[in-house]
């Protein structure tokens, strides 16, 4: 079930993003994603520790 929506391969898209917006554009969402992951992990650890006591 491959569909060709006209965008091309992932590599081609990455190359286009870098040429249009620069290399930093590939990392735009990393900060918010890491913040979310850290908050989720901290809450899971706290919940686990409390449930073990």
PDB file of N, CA and C in Angstrom:
ATOM      1  N   UNK A   1       0.819  -1.187   0.000  1.00  0.00           N
ATOM      2  CA  UNK A   1       0.000   0.000   0.000  1.00  0.00           C
ATOM      3  C   UNK A   1       0.863   1.250   0.000  1.00  0.00           C
ATOM      4  N   UNK A   2       1.621   1.418  -0.998  1.00  0.00           N
ATOM      5  CA  UNK A   2       2.423   2.631  -1.133  1.00  0.00           C
ATOM      6  C   UNK A   2       1.653   3.650  -1.944  1.00  0.00           C
ATOM      7  N   UNK A   3       1.640   4.852  -1.441  1.00  0.00           N
ATOM      8  CA  UNK A   3       0.984   5.912  -2.201  1.00  0.00           C
ATOM      9  C   UNK A   3       2.018   6.962  -2.569  1.00  0.00           C
ATOM     10  N   UNK A   4       1.932   7.452  -3.744  1.00  0.00           N
ATOM     11  CA  UNK A   4       2.850   8.483  -4.198  1.00  0.00           C
ATOM     12  C   UNK A   4       2.123   9.816  -4.116  1.00  0.00           C
ATOM     13  N   UNK A   5       2.427  10.575  -3.080  1.00  0.00           N
ATOM     14  CA  UNK A   5       1.763  11.865  -2.915  1.00  0.00           C
ATOM     15  C   UNK A   5       2.595  13.005  -3.488  1.00  0.00           C
ATOM     16  N   UNK A   6       3.634  12.674  -4.223  1.00  0.00           N
ATOM     17  CA  UNK A   6       4.415  13.684  -4.902  1.00  0.00           C
ATOM     18  C   UNK A   6       5.545  14.286  -4.093  1.00  0.00           C
ATOM     19  N   UNK A   7       5.760  13.835  -2.858  1.00  0.00           N
ATOM     20  CA  UNK A   7       6.803  14.428  -2.026  1.00  0.00           C
ATOM     21  C   UNK A   7       8.151  13.733  -2.174  1.00  0.00           C
ATOM     22  N   UNK A   8       8.176  12.491  -2.553  1.00  0.00           N
ATOM     23  CA  UNK A   8       9.439  11.795  -2.731  1.00  0.00           C
ATOM     24  C   UNK A   8       9.891  11.063  -1.484  1.00  0.00           C
ATOM     25  N   UNK A   9      11.154  10.668  -1.495  1.00  0.00           N
ATOM     26  CA  UNK A   9      11.706   9.883  -0.399  1.00  0.00           C
ATOM     27  C   UNK A   9      12.043  10.758   0.801  1.00  0.00           C
ATOM     28  N   UNK A  10      12.300  10.113   1.929  1.00  0.00           N
ATOM     29  CA  UNK A  10      12.669  10.839   3.147  1.00  0.00           C
ATOM     30  C   UNK A  10      13.972  11.607   2.933  1.00  0.00           C
ATOM     31  N   UNK A  11      14.920  10.992   2.259  1.00  0.00           N
ATOM     32  CA  UNK A  11      16.198  11.662   2.002  1.00  0.00           C
ATOM     33  C   UNK A  11      15.996  12.909   1.146  1.00  0.00           C
ATOM     34  N   UNK A  12      15.150  12.792   0.146  1.00  0.00           N
ATOM     35  CA  UNK A  12      14.868  13.932  -0.727  1.00  0.00           C
ATOM     36  C   UNK A  12      14.211  15.063   0.067  1.00  0.00           C
ATOM     37  N   UNK A  13      13.300  14.711   0.962  1.00  0.00           N
ATOM     38  CA  UNK A  13      12.653  15.721   1.798  1.00  0.00           C
ATOM     39  C   UNK A  13      13.646  16.398   2.728  1.00  0.00           C
ATOM     40  N   UNK A  14      14.536  15.611   3.332  1.00  0.00           N
ATOM     41  CA  UNK A  14      15.550  16.180   4.216  1.00  0.00           C
ATOM     42  C   UNK A  14      16.443  17.147   3.448  1.00  0.00           C
ATOM     43  N   UNK A  15      16.838  16.754   2.258  1.00  0.00           N
ATOM     44  CA  UNK A  15      17.683  17.609   1.422  1.00  0.00           C
ATOM     45  C   UNK A  15      16.971  18.916   1.089  1.00  0.00           C
ATOM     46  N   UNK A  16      15.683  18.834   0.800  1.00  0.00           N
ATOM     47  CA  UNK A  16      14.897  20.027   0.486  1.00  0.00           C
ATOM     48  C   UNK A  16      14.782  20.941   1.707  1.00  0.00           C
ATOM     49  N   UNK A  17      14.523  20.370   2.874  1.00  0.00           N
ATOM     50  CA  UNK A  17      14.416  21.167   4.100  1.00  0.00           C
ATOM     51  C   UNK A  17      15.726  21.876   4.393  1.00  0.00           C
ATOM     52  N   UNK A  18      16.840  21.153   4.271  1.00  0.00           N
ATOM     53  CA  UNK A  18      18.151  21.757   4.536  1.00  0.00           C
ATOM     54  C   UNK A  18      18.433  22.885   3.550  1.00  0.00           C
ATOM     55  N   UNK A  19      18.093  22.683   2.297  1.00  0.00           N
ATOM     56  CA  UNK A  19      18.380  23.728   1.306  1.00  0.00           C
ATOM     57  C   UNK A  19      17.487  24.954   1.484  1.00  0.00           C
ATOM     58  N   UNK A  20      16.255  24.761   1.942  1.00  0.00           N
ATOM     59  CA  UNK A  20      15.328  25.885   2.087  1.00  0.00           C
ATOM     60  C   UNK A  20      15.414  26.573   3.445  1.00  0.00           C
ATOM     61  N   UNK A  21      15.637  25.793   4.522  1.00  0.00           N
ATOM     62  CA  UNK A  21      15.557  26.358   5.867  1.00  0.00           C
ATOM     63  C   UNK A  21      16.847  26.233   6.670  1.00  0.00           C
ATOM     64  N   UNK A  22      17.794  25.467   6.174  1.00  0.00           N
ATOM     65  CA  UNK A  22      19.045  25.273   6.893  1.00  0.00           C
ATOM     66  C   UNK A  22      19.038  23.987   7.704  1.00  0.00           C
ATOM     67  N   UNK A  23      20.226  23.604   8.163  1.00  0.00           N
ATOM     68  CA  UNK A  23      20.392  22.340   8.881  1.00  0.00           C
ATOM     69  C   UNK A  23      19.630  22.315  10.204  1.00  0.00           C
ATOM     70  N   UNK A  24      19.536  23.447  10.876  1.00  0.00           N
ATOM     71  CA  UNK A  24      18.838  23.508  12.167  1.00  0.00           C
ATOM     72  C   UNK A  24      17.360  23.148  12.050  1.00  0.00           C
ATOM     73  N   UNK A  25      16.792  23.295  10.879  1.00  0.00           N
ATOM     74  CA  UNK A  25      15.370  23.012  10.684  1.00  0.00           C
ATOM     75  C   UNK A  25      15.045  21.542  10.921  1.00  0.00           C
ATOM     76  N   UNK A  26      16.031  20.663  10.736  1.00  0.00           N
ATOM     77  CA  UNK A  26      15.799  19.238  10.972  1.00  0.00           C
ATOM     78  C   UNK A  26      15.621  18.930  12.455  1.00  0.00           C
ATOM     79  N   UNK A  27      16.042  19.843  13.317  1.00  0.00           N
ATOM     80  CA  UNK A  27      16.013  19.615  14.765  1.00  0.00           C
ATOM     81  C   UNK A  27      14.990  20.486  15.475  1.00  0.00           C
ATOM     82  N   UNK A  28      14.065  21.091  14.756  1.00  0.00           N
ATOM     83  CA  UNK A  28      13.099  22.031  15.336  1.00  0.00           C
ATOM     84  C   UNK A  28      12.293  21.437  16.493  1.00  0.00           C
ATOM     85  N   UNK A  29      11.806  20.248  16.377  1.00  0.00           N
ATOM     86  CA  UNK A  29      10.916  19.679  17.386  1.00  0.00           C
ATOM     87  C   UNK A  29      11.596  18.912  18.488  1.00  0.00           C
ATOM     88  N   UNK A  30      12.915  18.865  18.491  1.00  0.00           N
ATOM     89  CA  UNK A  30      13.627  18.052  19.476  1.00  0.00           C
ATOM     90  C   UNK A  30      13.461  18.594  20.895  1.00  0.00           C
ATOM     91  N   UNK A  31      13.560  19.900  21.072  1.00  0.00           N
ATOM     92  CA  UNK A  31      13.454  20.491  22.413  1.00  0.00           C
ATOM     93  C   UNK A  31      12.135  20.179  23.101  1.00  0.00           C
ATOM     94  N   UNK A  32      11.000  20.480  22.469  1.00  0.00           N
ATOM     95  CA  UNK A  32       9.717  20.157  23.089  1.00  0.00           C
ATOM     96  C   UNK A  32       9.515  18.653  23.312  1.00  0.00           C
ATOM     97  N   UNK A  33       9.989  17.843  22.384  1.00  0.00           N
ATOM     98  CA  UNK A  33       9.841  16.394  22.537  1.00  0.00           C
ATOM     99  C   UNK A  33      10.662  15.873  23.713  1.00  0.00           C
ATOM    100  N   UNK A  34      11.872  16.389  23.881  1.00  0.00           N
ATOM    101  CA  UNK A  34      12.714  15.970  25.005  1.00  0.00           C
ATOM    102  C   UNK A  34      12.133  16.449  26.332  1.00  0.00           C
ATOM    103  N   UNK A  35      11.578  17.649  26.351  1.00  0.00           N
ATOM    104  CA  UNK A  35      10.937  18.166  27.562  1.00  0.00           C
ATOM    105  C   UNK A  35       9.757  17.290  27.954  1.00  0.00           C
ATOM    106  N   UNK A  36       8.952  16.912  26.976  1.00  0.00           N
ATOM    107  CA  UNK A  36       7.809  16.035  27.227  1.00  0.00           C
ATOM    108  C   UNK A  36       8.265  14.681  27.748  1.00  0.00           C
ATOM    109  N   UNK A  37       9.285  14.120  27.122  1.00  0.00           N
ATOM    110  CA  UNK A  37       9.789  12.813  27.537  1.00  0.00           C
ATOM    111  C   UNK A  37      10.344  12.862  28.955  1.00  0.00           C
ATOM    112  N   UNK A  38      11.056  13.931  29.295  1.00  0.00           N
ATOM    113  CA  UNK A  38      11.619  14.061  30.641  1.00  0.00           C
ATOM    114  C   UNK A  38      10.515  14.174  31.682  1.00  0.00           C
ATOM    115  N   UNK A  39       9.491  14.969  31.397  1.00  0.00           N
ATOM    116  CA  UNK A  39       8.380  15.125  32.341  1.00  0.00           C
ATOM    117  C   UNK A  39       7.629  13.810  32.526  1.00  0.00           C
ATOM    118  N   UNK A  40       7.394  13.099  31.444  1.00  0.00           N
ATOM    119  CA  UNK A  40       6.695  11.820  31.522  1.00  0.00           C
ATOM    120  C   UNK A  40       7.505  10.800  32.309  1.00  0.00           C
ATOM    121  N   UNK A  41       8.787  10.713  32.033  1.00  0.00           N
ATOM    122  CA  UNK A  41       9.652   9.764  32.729  1.00  0.00           C
ATOM    123  C   UNK A  41       9.726  10.084  34.216  1.00  0.00           C
ATOM    124  N   UNK A  42       9.839  11.353  34.561  1.00  0.00           N
ATOM    125  CA  UNK A  42       9.895  11.749  35.969  1.00  0.00           C
ATOM    126  C   UNK A  42       8.601  11.383  36.688  1.00  0.00           C
ATOM    127  N   UNK A  43       7.465  11.605  36.039  1.00  0.00           N
ATOM    128  CA  UNK A  43       6.190  11.267  36.679  1.00  0.00           C
ATOM    129  C   UNK A  43       6.021   9.757  36.817  1.00  0.00           C
ATOM    130  N   UNK A  44       6.479   9.000  35.844  1.00  0.00           N
ATOM    131  CA  UNK A  44       6.403   7.544  35.939  1.00  0.00           C
ATOM    132  C   UNK A  44       7.289   7.023  37.061  1.00  0.00           C
ATOM    133  N   UNK A  45       8.482   7.570  37.183  1.00  0.00           N
ATOM    134  CA  UNK A  45       9.399   7.146  38.235  1.00  0.00           C
ATOM    135  C   UNK A  45       8.831   7.475  39.610  1.00  0.00           C
ATOM    136  N   UNK A  46       8.283   8.665  39.761  1.00  0.00           N
ATOM    137  CA  UNK A  46       7.696   9.059  41.045  1.00  0.00           C
ATOM    138  C   UNK A  46       6.516   8.165  41.398  1.00  0.00           C
ATOM    139  N   UNK A  47       5.675   7.865  40.429  1.00  0.00           N
ATOM    140  CA  UNK A  47       4.522   6.994  40.660  1.00  0.00           C
ATOM    141  C   UNK A  47       4.975   5.589  41.032  1.00  0.00           C
ATOM    142  N   UNK A  48       5.965   5.078  40.347  1.00  0.00           N
ATOM    143  CA  UNK A  48       6.487   3.743  40.629  1.00  0.00           C
ATOM    144  C   UNK A  48       7.076   3.680  42.033  1.00  0.00           C
ATOM    145  N   UNK A  49       7.883   4.679  42.388  1.00  0.00           N
ATOM    146  CA  UNK A  49       8.495   4.703  43.717  1.00  0.00           C
ATOM    147  C   UNK A  49       7.438   4.742  44.812  1.00  0.00           C
ATOM    148  N   UNK A  50       6.406   5.539  44.628  1.00  0.00           N
ATOM    149  CA  UNK A  50       5.344   5.636  45.632  1.00  0.00           C
ATOM    150  C   UNK A  50       4.561   4.335  45.743  1.00  0.00           C
ATOM    151  N   UNK A  51       4.344   3.660  44.634  1.00  0.00           N
ATOM    152  CA  UNK A  51       3.568   2.419  44.670  1.00  0.00           C
ATOM    153  C   UNK A  51       4.353   1.278  45.306  1.00  0.00           C
ATOM    154  N   UNK A  52       5.673   1.366  45.314  1.00  0.00           N
ATOM    155  CA  UNK A  52       6.502   0.316  45.906  1.00  0.00           C
ATOM    156  C   UNK A  52       6.608   0.449  47.422  1.00  0.00           C
ATOM    157  N   UNK A  53       6.253   1.607  47.963  1.00  0.00           N
ATOM    158  CA  UNK A  53       6.386   1.801  49.416  1.00  0.00           C
ATOM    159  C   UNK A  53       5.176   1.329  50.163  1.00  0.00           C
TER     160      UNK A  53
END
